Amino acid sequence: MSVNVKPLAQINQRAMPLLYRELGIVDAVRFLKQFTPGFGDYTQERGELFADRTLEHMVDEIEQMRRSG
């Protein structure tokens, strides 16, 4: 059995118009973004962002935002 393996560039050229047509551009882009790696160090960034804040402080802020609407 012989399999015709196409180059990824050729597959991408055929797939993109199909995705755009079937999903719309916005949803096609959202779909494709799930396969691209992010950047940075999420854990380190969150550690720096919340380093001087306690859980209790954050809960108080959330409750205050809910009350103010």
N, C-alpha and C. Protein backbone atom coordinates (compact mmCIF):
# COMPACT_ATOMS: atom_id res chain seq x y z
N MET A 1 0.84 -1.17 0.00
CA MET A 1 0.00 0.00 0.00
C MET A 1 0.88 1.24 0.00
N SER A 2 0.61 2.16 -0.87
CA SER A 2 1.39 3.37 -1.00
C SER A 2 0.60 4.56 -0.47
N VAL A 3 1.26 5.40 0.31
CA VAL A 3 0.62 6.58 0.88
C VAL A 3 1.30 7.82 0.30
N ASN A 4 0.51 8.74 -0.19
CA ASN A 4 1.04 9.97 -0.74
C ASN A 4 1.09 11.02 0.38
N VAL A 5 2.28 11.24 0.92
CA VAL A 5 2.45 12.20 2.01
C VAL A 5 2.74 13.57 1.40
N LYS A 6 1.87 14.52 1.72
CA LYS A 6 2.01 15.87 1.17
C LYS A 6 2.80 16.73 2.16
N PRO A 7 3.49 17.72 1.64
CA PRO A 7 4.19 18.65 2.53
C PRO A 7 3.18 19.44 3.38
N LEU A 8 3.57 19.77 4.62
CA LEU A 8 2.68 20.52 5.49
C LEU A 8 2.27 21.86 4.90
N ALA A 9 3.15 22.51 4.18
CA ALA A 9 2.81 23.79 3.56
C ALA A 9 1.64 23.63 2.60
N GLN A 10 1.62 22.56 1.84
CA GLN A 10 0.53 22.30 0.90
C GLN A 10 -0.77 22.01 1.65
N ILE A 11 -0.69 21.25 2.71
CA ILE A 11 -1.88 20.96 3.52
C ILE A 11 -2.43 22.25 4.13
N ASN A 12 -1.52 23.08 4.65
CA ASN A 12 -1.95 24.35 5.24
C ASN A 12 -2.63 25.24 4.22
N GLN A 13 -2.10 25.27 3.00
CA GLN A 13 -2.71 26.09 1.95
C GLN A 13 -4.14 25.65 1.66
N ARG A 14 -4.39 24.38 1.72
CA ARG A 14 -5.74 23.86 1.48
C ARG A 14 -6.63 24.01 2.71
N ALA A 15 -6.06 23.87 3.89
CA ALA A 15 -6.86 23.86 5.12
C ALA A 15 -7.35 25.24 5.54
N MET A 16 -6.53 26.26 5.36
CA MET A 16 -6.90 27.59 5.84
C MET A 16 -8.20 28.10 5.23
N PRO A 17 -8.37 28.06 3.92
CA PRO A 17 -9.64 28.52 3.36
C PRO A 17 -10.84 27.71 3.87
N LEU A 18 -10.64 26.42 4.09
CA LEU A 18 -11.72 25.59 4.62
C LEU A 18 -12.10 26.01 6.03
N LEU A 19 -11.09 26.24 6.87
CA LEU A 19 -11.36 26.69 8.23
C LEU A 19 -12.08 28.03 8.23
N TYR A 20 -11.60 28.97 7.43
CA TYR A 20 -12.23 30.28 7.38
C TYR A 20 -13.68 30.19 6.92
N ARG A 21 -13.90 29.37 5.92
CA ARG A 21 -15.26 29.25 5.38
C ARG A 21 -16.19 28.57 6.38
N GLU A 22 -15.73 27.51 7.01
CA GLU A 22 -16.60 26.73 7.90
C GLU A 22 -16.76 27.34 9.28
N LEU A 23 -15.70 27.98 9.80
CA LEU A 23 -15.75 28.50 11.17
C LEU A 23 -15.89 30.02 11.22
N GLY A 24 -15.55 30.69 10.15
CA GLY A 24 -15.42 32.14 10.18
C GLY A 24 -14.01 32.47 10.63
N ILE A 25 -13.57 33.66 10.28
CA ILE A 25 -12.17 34.02 10.56
C ILE A 25 -11.88 34.05 12.05
N VAL A 26 -12.75 34.65 12.86
CA VAL A 26 -12.48 34.78 14.29
C VAL A 26 -12.35 33.40 14.95
N ASP A 27 -13.32 32.51 14.70
CA ASP A 27 -13.25 31.19 15.33
C ASP A 27 -12.12 30.35 14.77
N ALA A 28 -11.78 30.54 13.49
CA ALA A 28 -10.65 29.81 12.92
C ALA A 28 -9.35 30.23 13.59
N VAL A 29 -9.19 31.52 13.81
CA VAL A 29 -7.99 32.01 14.49
C VAL A 29 -7.95 31.50 15.92
N ARG A 30 -9.07 31.53 16.62
CA ARG A 30 -9.12 31.01 17.99
C ARG A 30 -8.75 29.53 18.01
N PHE A 31 -9.26 28.77 17.04
CA PHE A 31 -8.94 27.35 16.94
C PHE A 31 -7.43 27.16 16.74
N LEU A 32 -6.84 27.90 15.85
CA LEU A 32 -5.42 27.75 15.55
C LEU A 32 -4.53 28.18 16.72
N LYS A 33 -4.96 29.18 17.48
CA LYS A 33 -4.15 29.67 18.60
C LYS A 33 -3.94 28.62 19.68
N GLN A 34 -4.84 27.67 19.78
CA GLN A 34 -4.65 26.65 20.82
C GLN A 34 -3.45 25.75 20.54
N PHE A 35 -2.95 25.77 19.32
CA PHE A 35 -1.80 24.94 18.96
C PHE A 35 -0.49 25.69 18.96
N THR A 36 -0.52 26.99 19.29
CA THR A 36 0.71 27.75 19.33
C THR A 36 1.15 27.90 20.78
N PRO A 37 2.42 27.71 21.03
CA PRO A 37 2.89 27.83 22.42
C PRO A 37 2.86 29.28 22.87
N GLY A 38 2.62 29.46 24.13
CA GLY A 38 2.66 30.81 24.69
C GLY A 38 4.10 31.22 24.91
N PHE A 39 4.29 32.26 25.69
CA PHE A 39 5.63 32.71 25.99
C PHE A 39 5.68 33.18 27.43
N GLY A 40 6.86 33.25 27.95
CA GLY A 40 7.04 33.68 29.33
C GLY A 40 6.88 32.52 30.30
N ASP A 41 6.97 32.85 31.57
CA ASP A 41 6.86 31.88 32.64
C ASP A 41 5.67 32.25 33.50
N TYR A 42 4.54 31.60 33.26
CA TYR A 42 3.28 31.91 33.93
C TYR A 42 3.43 31.89 35.45
N THR A 43 4.08 30.88 35.97
CA THR A 43 4.22 30.72 37.42
C THR A 43 5.05 31.86 38.01
N GLN A 44 6.15 32.19 37.37
CA GLN A 44 7.00 33.28 37.87
C GLN A 44 6.25 34.61 37.80
N GLU A 45 5.56 34.87 36.69
CA GLU A 45 4.82 36.13 36.55
C GLU A 45 3.75 36.27 37.62
N ARG A 46 3.03 35.21 37.91
CA ARG A 46 1.99 35.26 38.94
C ARG A 46 2.60 35.44 40.32
N GLY A 47 3.73 34.81 40.55
CA GLY A 47 4.43 34.98 41.82
C GLY A 47 4.83 36.43 42.05
N GLU A 48 5.32 37.08 40.99
CA GLU A 48 5.71 38.48 41.10
C GLU A 48 4.49 39.38 41.23
N LEU A 49 3.45 39.08 40.50
CA LEU A 49 2.25 39.90 40.50
C LEU A 49 1.55 39.90 41.85
N PHE A 50 1.50 38.74 42.48
CA PHE A 50 0.76 38.60 43.74
C PHE A 50 1.66 38.40 44.96
N ALA A 51 2.92 38.75 44.85
CA ALA A 51 3.89 38.48 45.92
C ALA A 51 3.51 39.12 47.25
N ASP A 52 3.00 40.35 47.21
CA ASP A 52 2.72 41.05 48.46
C ASP A 52 1.24 41.02 48.83
N ARG A 53 0.49 40.10 48.25
CA ARG A 53 -0.95 40.04 48.51
C ARG A 53 -1.32 38.69 49.12
N THR A 54 -2.20 38.75 50.08
CA THR A 54 -2.68 37.52 50.70
C THR A 54 -3.99 37.09 50.04
N LEU A 55 -4.35 35.86 50.25
CA LEU A 55 -5.62 35.36 49.73
C LEU A 55 -6.78 36.15 50.33
N GLU A 56 -6.69 36.42 51.61
CA GLU A 56 -7.75 37.18 52.28
C GLU A 56 -7.93 38.56 51.64
N HIS A 57 -6.83 39.20 51.30
CA HIS A 57 -6.89 40.51 50.66
C HIS A 57 -7.59 40.42 49.31
N MET A 58 -7.25 39.42 48.53
CA MET A 58 -7.88 39.24 47.22
C MET A 58 -9.37 38.94 47.34
N VAL A 59 -9.74 38.11 48.32
CA VAL A 59 -11.16 37.81 48.55
C VAL A 59 -11.90 39.07 48.94
N ASP A 60 -11.31 39.90 49.80
CA ASP A 60 -11.93 41.16 50.18
C ASP A 60 -12.15 42.05 48.96
N GLU A 61 -11.17 42.12 48.08
CA GLU A 61 -11.30 42.93 46.86
C GLU A 61 -12.43 42.43 45.98
N ILE A 62 -12.52 41.13 45.82
CA ILE A 62 -13.58 40.54 44.99
C ILE A 62 -14.94 40.86 45.59
N GLU A 63 -15.07 40.69 46.88
CA GLU A 63 -16.35 40.98 47.54
C GLU A 63 -16.72 42.46 47.42
N GLN A 64 -15.73 43.32 47.52
CA GLN A 64 -15.97 44.75 47.38
C GLN A 64 -16.42 45.08 45.95
N MET A 65 -15.80 44.47 44.95
CA MET A 65 -16.21 44.70 43.56
C MET A 65 -17.63 44.21 43.31
N ARG A 66 -17.99 43.08 43.90
CA ARG A 66 -19.35 42.55 43.74
C ARG A 66 -20.38 43.48 44.35
N ARG A 67 -20.05 44.05 45.50
CA ARG A 67 -20.99 44.96 46.16
C ARG A 67 -21.17 46.26 45.39
N SER A 68 -20.08 46.73 44.76
CA SER A 68 -20.17 48.01 44.06
C SER A 68 -20.72 47.87 42.65
N GLY A 69 -20.92 46.65 42.22
CA GLY A 69 -21.67 46.43 41.05
C GLY A 69 -21.14 46.16 39.76
